[in-house]
N, C-alpha and C. Protein backbone atom coordinates (compact mmCIF):
# COMPACT_ATOMS: atom_id res chain seq x y z
N MET A 1 20.81 -0.93 -7.17
CA MET A 1 20.53 -2.34 -6.31
C MET A 1 19.66 -1.69 -5.17
N GLU A 2 18.93 -0.79 -4.59
CA GLU A 2 17.49 -0.86 -4.25
C GLU A 2 16.48 -0.15 -5.06
N ARG A 3 16.82 0.27 -6.14
CA ARG A 3 15.88 0.68 -6.86
C ARG A 3 15.01 -1.06 -7.91
N MET A 4 16.65 -2.00 -8.23
CA MET A 4 16.36 -3.11 -8.85
C MET A 4 15.76 -4.44 -8.17
N GLN A 5 15.49 -3.84 -6.11
CA GLN A 5 14.56 -4.62 -5.58
C GLN A 5 13.46 -4.09 -5.79
N GLY A 6 13.26 -3.02 -5.72
CA GLY A 6 12.00 -2.18 -5.99
C GLY A 6 10.53 -2.63 -7.17
N GLU A 7 11.80 -2.47 -8.29
CA GLU A 7 11.08 -2.71 -9.73
C GLU A 7 11.11 -3.94 -9.56
N ARG A 8 11.95 -5.35 -8.55
CA ARG A 8 11.40 -7.19 -8.95
C ARG A 8 9.59 -6.99 -7.78
N GLU A 9 9.99 -6.39 -7.14
CA GLU A 9 8.67 -6.70 -6.76
C GLU A 9 7.89 -5.84 -7.26
N VAL A 10 7.80 -4.61 -7.36
CA VAL A 10 6.10 -4.60 -8.41
C VAL A 10 5.85 -5.01 -10.06
N ASP A 11 7.51 -6.06 -10.04
CA ASP A 11 7.09 -6.34 -11.34
C ASP A 11 5.79 -7.97 -10.65
N HIS A 12 5.85 -8.65 -9.64
CA HIS A 12 5.16 -9.32 -9.01
C HIS A 12 4.16 -9.23 -8.92
N LEU A 13 4.07 -7.88 -8.26
CA LEU A 13 3.07 -7.60 -7.97
C LEU A 13 1.68 -7.19 -9.33
N GLU A 14 1.97 -7.86 -10.65
CA GLU A 14 1.02 -7.35 -11.48
C GLU A 14 0.19 -8.29 -11.88
N ARG A 15 0.93 -9.44 -11.20
CA ARG A 15 -0.42 -11.05 -11.05
C ARG A 15 -0.38 -11.49 -9.77
N PRO A 16 -1.63 -11.20 -9.96
CA PRO A 16 -2.31 -11.71 -8.96
C PRO A 16 -3.09 -12.79 -8.92
N SER A 17 -2.73 -13.65 -8.34
CA SER A 17 -3.18 -15.20 -8.15
C SER A 17 -3.82 -15.44 -6.66
N PRO A 18 -4.90 -15.74 -6.63
CA PRO A 18 -6.16 -16.07 -5.37
C PRO A 18 -4.97 -16.37 -4.14
N LEU A 19 -5.62 -15.86 -3.05
CA LEU A 19 -5.02 -16.93 -1.73
C LEU A 19 -6.03 -17.81 -1.30
N THR A 20 -4.94 -18.72 -0.50
CA THR A 20 -5.06 -20.42 -0.41
C THR A 20 -5.86 -19.60 1.40
N ASP A 21 -6.26 -21.00 1.74
CA ASP A 21 -6.46 -20.44 2.81
C ASP A 21 -5.69 -20.57 3.98
N LYS A 22 -4.72 -20.78 3.78
CA LYS A 22 -3.15 -21.50 4.69
C LYS A 22 -2.87 -19.43 4.64
N GLU A 23 -2.87 -18.94 3.68
CA GLU A 23 -2.55 -17.38 2.97
C GLU A 23 -3.17 -16.51 3.43
N ARG A 24 -4.54 -16.99 3.97
CA ARG A 24 -5.32 -16.31 4.19
C ARG A 24 -5.27 -15.36 5.84
N VAL A 25 -4.80 -17.39 6.69
CA VAL A 25 -5.23 -17.19 8.09
C VAL A 25 -3.30 -16.24 8.33
N MET A 26 -2.10 -16.72 7.18
CA MET A 26 -0.84 -15.69 7.56
C MET A 26 -1.13 -14.58 7.92
N ILE A 27 -1.94 -14.30 6.90
CA ILE A 27 -1.69 -12.45 7.44
C ILE A 27 -2.69 -11.83 8.15
N GLN A 28 -3.58 -13.17 8.27
CA GLN A 28 -4.48 -12.33 9.55
C GLN A 28 -4.05 -12.30 11.12
N ASP A 29 -2.74 -13.23 10.74
CA ASP A 29 -2.04 -13.73 12.01
C ASP A 29 -0.87 -12.38 12.37
N SER A 30 -0.53 -12.29 11.03
CA SER A 30 0.03 -11.13 10.70
C SER A 30 -0.04 -10.14 10.82
N TRP A 31 -0.92 -9.63 10.28
CA TRP A 31 -1.99 -8.20 10.68
C TRP A 31 -1.84 -8.25 11.38
N ALA A 32 -2.47 -8.79 12.60
CA ALA A 32 -2.66 -8.99 13.73
C ALA A 32 -1.30 -7.82 15.06
N LYS A 33 -0.08 -8.78 14.93
CA LYS A 33 1.29 -7.92 14.95
C LYS A 33 0.93 -6.48 15.37
N PHE A 34 1.28 -6.52 13.02
CA PHE A 34 1.26 -4.82 12.82
C PHE A 34 0.09 -4.27 13.29
N TYR A 35 -0.90 -4.38 13.89
CA TYR A 35 -1.56 -3.40 13.49
C TYR A 35 -2.09 -3.27 15.25
N LEU A 36 -1.08 -3.82 16.00
CA LEU A 36 -0.74 -3.05 17.53
C LEU A 36 -0.34 -2.12 17.64
N ASN A 37 0.81 -1.71 16.32
CA ASN A 37 1.32 -0.97 15.93
C ASN A 37 1.25 0.27 14.87
N CYS A 38 -0.01 0.31 15.56
CA CYS A 38 -0.18 1.24 13.53
C CYS A 38 -0.52 2.35 13.78
N ASP A 39 -0.20 3.21 14.56
CA ASP A 39 0.15 4.87 14.23
C ASP A 39 1.72 4.75 13.47
N ASP A 40 2.40 3.96 14.17
CA ASP A 40 3.63 4.07 14.50
C ASP A 40 4.58 2.85 12.43
N VAL A 41 3.74 2.27 12.16
CA VAL A 41 3.81 1.52 11.04
C VAL A 41 3.89 2.64 10.47
N GLY A 42 2.38 2.74 10.00
CA GLY A 42 1.90 3.57 9.49
C GLY A 42 2.94 5.21 8.86
N VAL A 43 2.90 5.31 9.62
CA VAL A 43 4.02 6.57 9.58
C VAL A 43 5.10 6.63 9.21
N ALA A 44 5.75 4.82 9.39
CA ALA A 44 6.86 4.57 8.74
C ALA A 44 6.59 4.33 7.31
N ILE A 45 5.97 3.79 7.50
CA ILE A 45 5.65 3.04 5.58
C ILE A 45 5.18 5.09 4.73
N LEU A 46 4.86 5.32 5.26
CA LEU A 46 4.67 6.86 4.21
C LEU A 46 5.95 7.55 3.98
N ILE A 47 6.53 8.12 5.50
CA ILE A 47 8.21 8.37 5.46
C ILE A 47 8.27 7.80 4.68
N ARG A 48 8.58 5.92 4.65
CA ARG A 48 9.78 5.64 3.68
C ARG A 48 8.77 6.24 1.86
N LEU A 49 7.93 6.27 1.54
CA LEU A 49 7.47 6.41 0.53
C LEU A 49 8.43 8.42 0.15
N PHE A 50 7.97 8.41 1.27
CA PHE A 50 7.75 10.29 0.40
C PHE A 50 9.86 9.94 0.66
N VAL A 51 10.51 9.38 1.34
CA VAL A 51 11.31 9.69 1.37
C VAL A 51 12.50 8.86 0.00
N ASN A 52 11.86 8.07 -0.01
CA ASN A 52 12.71 7.07 -1.48
C ASN A 52 11.87 7.73 -3.30
N PHE A 53 11.11 7.76 -2.90
CA PHE A 53 9.56 8.06 -3.66
C PHE A 53 9.16 9.49 -3.77
N PRO A 54 10.37 10.41 -3.71
CA PRO A 54 9.94 12.49 -3.29
C PRO A 54 8.83 11.97 -4.31
N SER A 55 8.71 11.90 -5.64
CA SER A 55 7.61 12.48 -6.11
C SER A 55 6.12 12.32 -5.66
N SER A 56 6.15 11.28 -4.99
CA SER A 56 4.87 10.10 -4.47
C SER A 56 4.34 11.78 -3.25
N LYS A 57 4.85 12.73 -3.24
CA LYS A 57 4.65 14.04 -2.46
C LYS A 57 3.48 15.02 -2.72
N GLN A 58 3.79 14.70 -4.16
CA GLN A 58 3.21 15.60 -5.07
C GLN A 58 2.10 15.83 -5.13
N TYR A 59 0.71 14.47 -4.63
CA TYR A 59 -0.72 14.66 -4.77
C TYR A 59 -0.93 14.60 -2.49
N PHE A 60 0.04 15.11 -2.67
CA PHE A 60 -0.32 15.83 -1.09
C PHE A 60 -0.11 17.01 -0.42
N ARG A 61 -0.82 18.38 -1.11
CA ARG A 61 -0.41 19.35 -0.92
C ARG A 61 0.43 19.80 0.53
N GLN A 62 -0.27 18.92 1.63
CA GLN A 62 0.37 19.27 2.79
C GLN A 62 1.70 18.72 3.31
N PHE A 63 2.21 18.00 2.54
CA PHE A 63 3.05 17.10 2.75
C PHE A 63 4.07 17.96 1.71
N LYS A 64 4.01 18.08 0.07
CA LYS A 64 5.09 18.29 0.06
C LYS A 64 6.22 19.07 0.02
N ASN A 65 5.83 19.96 0.81
CA ASN A 65 7.39 20.71 0.77
C ASN A 65 7.70 20.41 2.21
N MET A 66 7.12 19.39 2.96
CA MET A 66 8.17 19.09 4.06
C MET A 66 9.17 18.16 4.20
N GLU A 67 10.36 18.12 5.06
CA GLU A 67 11.65 17.25 5.65
C GLU A 67 11.30 16.65 6.52
N ARG A 68 11.84 15.48 6.16
CA ARG A 68 11.70 14.31 6.39
C ARG A 68 11.58 14.54 8.63
N GLU A 69 12.21 15.30 9.14
CA GLU A 69 12.19 15.42 10.39
C GLU A 69 11.00 16.28 10.56
N GLU A 70 10.74 17.35 8.83
CA GLU A 70 8.46 17.50 9.81
C GLU A 70 7.72 16.44 9.35
N LEU A 71 8.41 15.76 8.91
CA LEU A 71 6.74 14.79 8.14
C LEU A 71 6.64 13.96 9.77
N GLU A 72 7.67 13.36 10.30
CA GLU A 72 7.77 12.92 11.28
C GLU A 72 7.10 13.29 12.68
N ARG A 73 6.56 14.42 12.64
CA ARG A 73 6.42 15.79 14.10
C ARG A 73 4.58 15.69 13.47
N SER A 74 4.91 15.52 12.10
CA SER A 74 3.60 16.22 11.44
C SER A 74 2.44 15.13 11.95
N THR A 75 1.62 15.81 12.84
CA THR A 75 -0.15 15.03 13.56
C THR A 75 -0.95 14.63 11.71
N GLN A 76 -0.92 15.39 10.99
CA GLN A 76 -1.41 15.21 9.94
C GLN A 76 -0.92 14.09 8.95
N LEU A 77 0.42 13.68 8.81
CA LEU A 77 0.73 12.57 8.78
C LEU A 77 0.35 11.48 9.94
N ARG A 78 -0.05 11.41 10.56
CA ARG A 78 0.38 10.68 11.69
C ARG A 78 -1.65 10.39 11.44
N ASN A 79 -2.05 11.24 11.18
CA ASN A 79 -3.80 10.58 10.94
C ASN A 79 -3.63 9.58 9.47
N HIS A 80 -2.63 10.83 8.61
CA HIS A 80 -3.22 9.85 6.90
C HIS A 80 -2.87 8.17 7.56
N ALA A 81 -1.66 8.40 8.29
CA ALA A 81 -1.01 7.26 7.98
C ALA A 81 -1.72 6.21 8.58
N ARG A 82 -2.62 6.59 9.89
CA ARG A 82 -3.64 5.72 10.35
C ARG A 82 -4.88 5.52 9.55
N SER A 83 -5.27 6.21 8.58
CA SER A 83 -6.64 6.07 7.84
C SER A 83 -5.78 5.26 6.83
N VAL A 84 -4.76 4.56 6.24
CA VAL A 84 -3.83 3.61 5.25
C VAL A 84 -3.91 2.32 5.50
N MET A 85 -3.44 1.97 7.21
CA MET A 85 -3.97 1.28 8.14
C MET A 85 -4.66 0.66 8.15
N ASN A 86 -6.26 1.24 8.88
CA ASN A 86 -7.38 1.66 8.69
C ASN A 86 -8.13 0.72 7.92
N GLY A 87 -7.45 1.33 6.45
CA GLY A 87 -8.27 1.10 5.32
C GLY A 87 -7.91 -0.84 5.01
N ILE A 88 -5.99 -0.77 5.31
CA ILE A 88 -5.67 -2.56 5.35
C ILE A 88 -6.48 -3.44 5.66
N ASN A 89 -7.07 -2.97 7.23
CA ASN A 89 -7.34 -4.06 8.50
C ASN A 89 -8.89 -3.86 7.53
N THR A 90 -9.27 -3.34 7.44
CA THR A 90 -10.96 -3.24 6.77
C THR A 90 -10.52 -4.25 5.94
N LEU A 91 -9.46 -4.44 5.04
CA LEU A 91 -9.44 -5.20 3.71
C LEU A 91 -8.83 -7.16 4.54
N VAL A 92 -8.12 -6.40 5.37
CA VAL A 92 -7.61 -8.21 5.48
C VAL A 92 -8.48 -8.97 6.71
N LYS A 93 -9.63 -8.31 7.28
CA LYS A 93 -10.69 -8.52 8.19
C LYS A 93 -11.84 -9.10 7.28
N ASN A 94 -11.09 -8.86 5.58
CA ASN A 94 -12.89 -9.41 5.12
C ASN A 94 -12.44 -10.26 3.86
N LEU A 95 -11.38 -10.77 4.50
CA LEU A 95 -10.47 -11.28 3.55
C LEU A 95 -11.58 -13.17 3.20
N HIS A 96 -12.51 -12.85 4.23
CA HIS A 96 -13.78 -14.72 3.26
C HIS A 96 -14.51 -13.74 2.54
N ASN A 97 -15.06 -12.57 2.17
CA ASN A 97 -15.46 -11.17 1.57
C ASN A 97 -15.58 -11.19 0.58
N PRO A 98 -15.52 -11.58 -1.10
CA PRO A 98 -14.39 -10.51 -1.83
C PRO A 98 -15.58 -9.33 -2.92
N GLU A 99 -16.92 -9.75 -1.89
CA GLU A 99 -18.08 -8.82 -2.24
C GLU A 99 -17.31 -7.45 -1.55
N LYS A 100 -16.99 -7.44 -0.01
CA LYS A 100 -16.66 -6.09 0.97
C LYS A 100 -15.23 -5.94 0.51
N ILE A 101 -14.27 -6.35 -0.25
CA ILE A 101 -12.98 -6.02 -0.71
C ILE A 101 -13.01 -4.96 -1.90
N ALA A 102 -13.99 -5.70 -2.99
CA ALA A 102 -14.61 -5.40 -4.26
C ALA A 102 -14.83 -3.77 -3.84
N SER A 103 -15.63 -3.98 -3.28
CA SER A 103 -16.67 -2.54 -2.45
C SER A 103 -15.28 -1.53 -2.00
N VAL A 104 -15.07 -2.12 -1.05
CA VAL A 104 -13.91 -1.37 -0.90
C VAL A 104 -13.25 -0.37 -1.23
N LEU A 105 -12.40 -1.40 -2.63
CA LEU A 105 -11.40 -0.56 -3.78
C LEU A 105 -11.45 -0.27 -4.48
N THR A 106 -13.50 -0.35 -4.70
CA THR A 106 -14.20 0.90 -5.69
C THR A 106 -14.33 1.47 -5.02
N VAL A 107 -13.74 1.88 -4.19
CA VAL A 107 -14.76 3.20 -3.29
C VAL A 107 -12.86 4.44 -3.00
N LEU A 108 -12.23 3.32 -3.13
CA LEU A 108 -10.68 4.19 -2.78
C LEU A 108 -10.57 3.59 -4.31
N GLY A 109 -10.19 3.50 -4.99
CA GLY A 109 -9.59 3.73 -6.00
C GLY A 109 -10.99 4.91 -7.16
N LYS A 110 -11.71 4.56 -6.71
CA LYS A 110 -12.81 6.00 -7.41
C LYS A 110 -12.10 7.74 -6.83
N ALA A 111 -11.90 7.57 -5.69
CA ALA A 111 -11.25 8.53 -4.85
C ALA A 111 -10.01 8.74 -5.38
N HIS A 112 -9.15 8.12 -5.36
CA HIS A 112 -8.09 8.49 -5.66
C HIS A 112 -7.62 8.77 -7.35
N ALA A 113 -8.64 8.10 -8.08
CA ALA A 113 -8.31 8.41 -9.53
C ALA A 113 -9.17 10.38 -10.25
N LEU A 114 -10.56 10.08 -9.48
CA LEU A 114 -11.09 11.17 -9.60
C LEU A 114 -10.88 12.54 -8.46
N LYS A 115 -11.16 12.24 -7.73
CA LYS A 115 -9.94 13.48 -6.28
C LYS A 115 -9.20 14.06 -6.33
N HIS A 116 -8.33 12.84 -6.09
CA HIS A 116 -6.92 13.01 -6.26
C HIS A 116 -6.02 12.77 -7.28
N GLU A 117 -6.88 12.93 -8.16
CA GLU A 117 -5.99 12.36 -9.27
C GLU A 117 -4.29 11.74 -9.50
N VAL A 118 -4.28 10.94 -8.74
CA VAL A 118 -3.24 9.75 -7.67
C VAL A 118 -2.85 8.82 -8.89
N ASP A 119 -1.59 8.69 -9.76
CA ASP A 119 -1.47 7.74 -10.64
C ASP A 119 -1.26 6.62 -10.08
N PRO A 120 -2.38 5.13 -10.58
CA PRO A 120 -2.28 3.98 -10.21
C PRO A 120 -0.63 3.58 -10.39
N ALA A 121 -0.19 3.76 -10.24
CA ALA A 121 1.17 3.34 -10.55
C ALA A 121 2.07 3.85 -9.33
N TYR A 122 1.42 4.23 -8.11
CA TYR A 122 1.39 4.54 -6.90
C TYR A 122 0.97 3.37 -6.08
N PHE A 123 0.47 2.72 -6.74
CA PHE A 123 0.03 1.61 -4.88
C PHE A 123 0.62 0.35 -5.53
N LYS A 124 1.36 0.48 -6.71
CA LYS A 124 2.26 -0.39 -6.50
C LYS A 124 3.38 -0.78 -5.91
N ILE A 125 4.35 0.99 -5.93
CA ILE A 125 4.85 1.54 -5.50
C ILE A 125 4.62 1.60 -3.84
N LEU A 126 3.45 1.74 -3.65
CA LEU A 126 2.94 1.86 -1.67
C LEU A 126 3.19 0.54 -1.59
N SER A 127 2.95 -0.70 -2.37
CA SER A 127 2.62 -2.32 -1.79
C SER A 127 3.90 -2.54 -2.15
N GLY A 128 4.62 -2.28 -2.41
CA GLY A 128 6.66 -2.91 -2.17
C GLY A 128 6.92 -2.09 -1.19
N VAL A 129 5.78 -0.41 -0.83
CA VAL A 129 7.13 0.14 0.52
C VAL A 129 6.82 -0.36 1.69
N ILE A 130 5.28 -1.09 1.68
CA ILE A 130 4.44 -1.95 2.95
C ILE A 130 5.15 -2.97 3.23
N LEU A 131 5.68 -4.05 1.86
CA LEU A 131 6.01 -5.04 2.27
C LEU A 131 7.39 -4.74 2.78
N GLU A 132 9.03 -3.87 1.88
CA GLU A 132 9.18 -3.68 2.73
C GLU A 132 9.93 -4.01 4.50
N VAL A 133 9.30 -2.13 4.40
CA VAL A 133 8.79 -1.68 6.13
C VAL A 133 8.53 -2.94 7.03
N LEU A 134 7.48 -3.18 6.02
CA LEU A 134 6.80 -4.89 7.47
C LEU A 134 7.95 -6.19 7.70
N GLY A 135 8.15 -5.79 6.83
CA GLY A 135 9.52 -7.05 6.78
C GLY A 135 11.15 -6.09 7.48
N GLU A 136 11.17 -5.53 7.49
CA GLU A 136 12.40 -4.81 8.70
C GLU A 136 11.73 -4.54 10.44
N VAL A 137 10.29 -3.45 10.32
CA VAL A 137 9.76 -3.45 11.43
C VAL A 137 9.90 -5.36 12.13
N PHE A 138 9.00 -5.98 11.17
CA PHE A 138 8.56 -7.43 12.45
C PHE A 138 9.28 -8.64 10.90
N PRO A 139 10.58 -8.66 11.38
CA PRO A 139 11.28 -9.43 10.76
C PRO A 139 10.61 -10.85 11.21
N GLU A 140 11.17 -10.98 12.70
CA GLU A 140 10.82 -12.37 13.11
C GLU A 140 9.50 -13.03 12.47
N VAL A 141 7.90 -11.87 11.80
CA VAL A 141 6.97 -12.51 11.91
C VAL A 141 6.61 -12.36 10.25
N VAL A 142 7.49 -11.84 9.17
CA VAL A 142 7.44 -12.11 8.02
C VAL A 142 8.45 -12.48 7.46
N THR A 143 8.13 -14.05 7.41
CA THR A 143 8.80 -15.08 6.71
C THR A 143 8.69 -14.74 5.23
N ALA A 144 9.40 -15.67 4.46
CA ALA A 144 9.14 -15.50 3.68
C ALA A 144 8.04 -15.99 2.96
N GLU A 145 7.23 -16.86 3.99
CA GLU A 145 6.20 -17.44 3.50
C GLU A 145 5.62 -16.00 3.49
N VAL A 146 5.52 -15.50 4.27
CA VAL A 146 4.08 -14.16 5.88
C VAL A 146 4.36 -13.24 4.15
N ALA A 147 5.58 -13.02 3.78
CA ALA A 147 5.69 -11.96 2.28
C ALA A 147 5.09 -12.23 1.75
N ALA A 148 5.38 -13.87 1.17
CA ALA A 148 4.14 -13.89 -0.38
C ALA A 148 3.14 -14.21 0.00
N ALA A 149 1.98 -14.30 0.66
CA ALA A 149 1.10 -14.11 1.26
C ALA A 149 0.26 -13.05 1.09
N TRP A 150 1.57 -12.13 1.49
CA TRP A 150 1.15 -9.98 1.00
C TRP A 150 0.85 -9.61 0.02
N THR A 151 2.17 -10.60 -0.37
CA THR A 151 2.37 -9.82 -1.85
C THR A 151 1.38 -10.22 -3.12
N LYS A 152 0.71 -11.19 -2.45
CA LYS A 152 -0.32 -11.93 -3.21
C LYS A 152 -1.44 -10.87 -2.73
N LEU A 153 -1.63 -10.61 -1.50
CA LEU A 153 -2.39 -9.82 -1.50
C LEU A 153 -2.31 -8.37 -2.36
N LEU A 154 -1.68 -7.99 -1.65
CA LEU A 154 -1.24 -6.43 -2.28
C LEU A 154 -1.38 -6.86 -3.81
N ALA A 155 -0.64 -7.61 -4.79
CA ALA A 155 -1.47 -7.83 -5.92
C ALA A 155 -2.30 -7.52 -6.62
N THR A 156 -3.52 -7.84 -5.21
CA THR A 156 -4.92 -8.30 -5.96
C THR A 156 -5.49 -6.60 -5.77
N VAL A 157 -5.25 -5.86 -5.06
CA VAL A 157 -5.28 -4.48 -4.73
C VAL A 157 -4.84 -3.72 -5.47
N CYS A 158 -3.88 -3.90 -6.01
CA CYS A 158 -2.98 -3.44 -7.20
C CYS A 158 -3.56 -3.39 -8.59
N SER A 159 -3.89 -4.60 -9.03
CA SER A 159 -4.69 -5.02 -9.94
C SER A 159 -6.65 -5.20 -10.05
N ARG A 160 -7.05 -4.70 -8.80
CA ARG A 160 -8.43 -4.43 -9.46
C ARG A 160 -8.44 -2.27 -8.89
N ILE A 161 -7.51 -1.73 -7.61
CA ILE A 161 -7.43 -0.35 -8.49
C ILE A 161 -7.37 0.16 -10.24
N ARG A 162 -6.46 -0.72 -10.81
CA ARG A 162 -5.70 -0.95 -11.82
C ARG A 162 -7.07 -0.53 -12.60
N SER A 163 -7.92 -1.90 -12.16
CA SER A 163 -8.85 -2.37 -13.63
C SER A 163 -9.93 -0.71 -13.05
N ILE A 164 -9.97 -0.16 -11.76
CA ILE A 164 -11.71 0.68 -11.51
C ILE A 164 -10.96 1.97 -12.45
N TYR A 165 -9.16 2.16 -12.74
CA TYR A 165 -9.02 3.53 -13.85
C TYR A 165 -8.77 3.32 -14.52
N ASP A 166 -8.67 2.02 -15.45
CA ASP A 166 -9.56 1.88 -16.54
C ASP A 166 -10.55 1.62 -16.98
N GLU A 167 -11.48 1.73 -15.70
CA GLU A 167 -13.01 1.32 -16.43
C GLU A 167 -13.38 2.81 -16.50
N LEU A 168 -12.67 3.67 -15.29
CA LEU A 168 -12.56 5.27 -15.37
C LEU A 168 -12.46 5.82 -16.77
N GLY A 169 -11.70 5.08 -17.25
CA GLY A 169 -10.82 5.82 -18.19
C GLY A 169 -9.78 6.86 -18.38
N TRP A 170 -9.05 6.56 -16.92
CA TRP A 170 -7.95 6.89 -16.83
C TRP A 170 -7.02 7.80 -18.00
N THR A 171 -6.66 8.18 -17.94
CA THR A 171 -5.45 8.81 -19.30
C THR A 171 -4.51 9.85 -19.10
N LYS A 172 -4.29 9.98 -17.57
CA LYS A 172 -3.42 10.61 -17.38
C LYS A 172 -2.07 9.61 -18.19
N LEU A 173 -0.66 10.85 -18.64
CA LEU A 173 0.54 9.53 -18.44
C LEU A 173 1.50 9.58 -17.45
N SER A 174 1.86 8.52 -17.39
CA SER A 174 2.71 7.77 -16.25
C SER A 174 3.45 8.59 -15.28
N THR A 175 3.70 9.36 -14.23
CA THR A 175 4.40 10.14 -13.73
C THR A 175 5.81 9.57 -13.37
N SER A 176 6.48 9.70 -13.70
CA SER A 176 7.72 9.17 -13.05
C SER A 176 8.19 8.75 -12.21
N THR A 177 8.58 7.86 -11.91
CA THR A 177 8.84 7.49 -10.49
C THR A 177 10.80 7.16 -9.71
N GLY A 178 11.46 7.39 -11.44
CA GLY A 178 12.89 7.58 -11.08
C GLY A 178 13.66 8.63 -11.29
């Protein structure tokens, strides 16, 4: 059942639509609460990613052979989680500035395609994990309306990352995630 839910979320992420002003405000207001616990939330997201999608660990040589307990204690994981959360923070702070968002996502997409060689499917997977964890950790904040706004934002991120990979001529075969 969990797999079906994850696949449904991924499908929604393939059809981005522009954020309304109301959705931008909901994202920024909810993010202010999430970001107060930036490190713990980021760690929870990455651990969920690695536990539910172990194939994602192949892109992290330092985490590849770690079990959950080791991941939870890892300073490197905490640092990477902080980096992910800071990246999301940059996007949320610049929701009014599409050029800045495009620039940040271009740098992110190029680095993950060329340097890290991450299959772009993992951005969709990570987006689903982010939504899932935020909804569990902050159920009072992540209403259906807030979740829909975040889904739109993450869909935009995934779509832009995918287009960057396409521009770069990404040809690696999609890695199996199931």
